[in-house]
Amino acid sequence: MKFQTGQVVLFNNTKSLFGKLITFYNQTTYGESKTTHAGIIAEVNDKILIFESANMSGFKPYLYEKEFLEEKIKNGEIIISTPRVKVKNVKECCNNYRNIRYAILDIVAIALYWATGFKIKMTRSSKLICSEAVVRVLYDASQKKIDFTKEFHKPYDLITPADIYYSSQMKNSDESGLKIIAKLVKNK
């Protein structure tokens, strides 16, 4: 696979408590669960790429060998999602969010929003969840052309990795997300 900056790496981790909760949310919202965590590729070198992601340590860069990611793609453990709009200066855009702490309470807020439809005050960009960090970087790197808040009619804080997967603004390495989008639109 040809990796490029701005691509989103979508993981499906069902082993952790958060992973199990996110899987449940995805299955009830979308009828399936393909992804529980997201990060963005900020730089690509010959054998290694820099992947930026928010987790309990904050929004930080991580190094991955391309070969490792290619094996995970082949095994269906990750999906690569590519923006349909050109993005620029991804690494610089990531720097704007570097070391911002993880927004654990936003996960609770997503659950409340899902269960009740009630929106509580979120942390905005003072703290981030993984998918929020990714969509903020994509918004900045696309000169505001990629806008998940408009597509999903909810604030950045409520955007999930599954929303990225099912977004019409992204092209997935497995493309099965398009079938679910069509089904959801048809049923509205």
Foldseek 3Di string as FASTA:
>chain_A
DDDDFLKKKFFQDCPDPQSVVQQVLCCVVQVGDLGAFMWTFHADDDFKTWIWFQDQQFTAIDIDGPVVVVVCVVVSRIKIKHFPADFPNLNVLSVVRPRQGAFPVLSVQLVCCSVPVDHDDGPASSHYHGQLSSQSSRCVRRVNPRDLCVVVVHDSSNDGSVSSVLDPRIAMPVNPSPVSNVVVVVVD
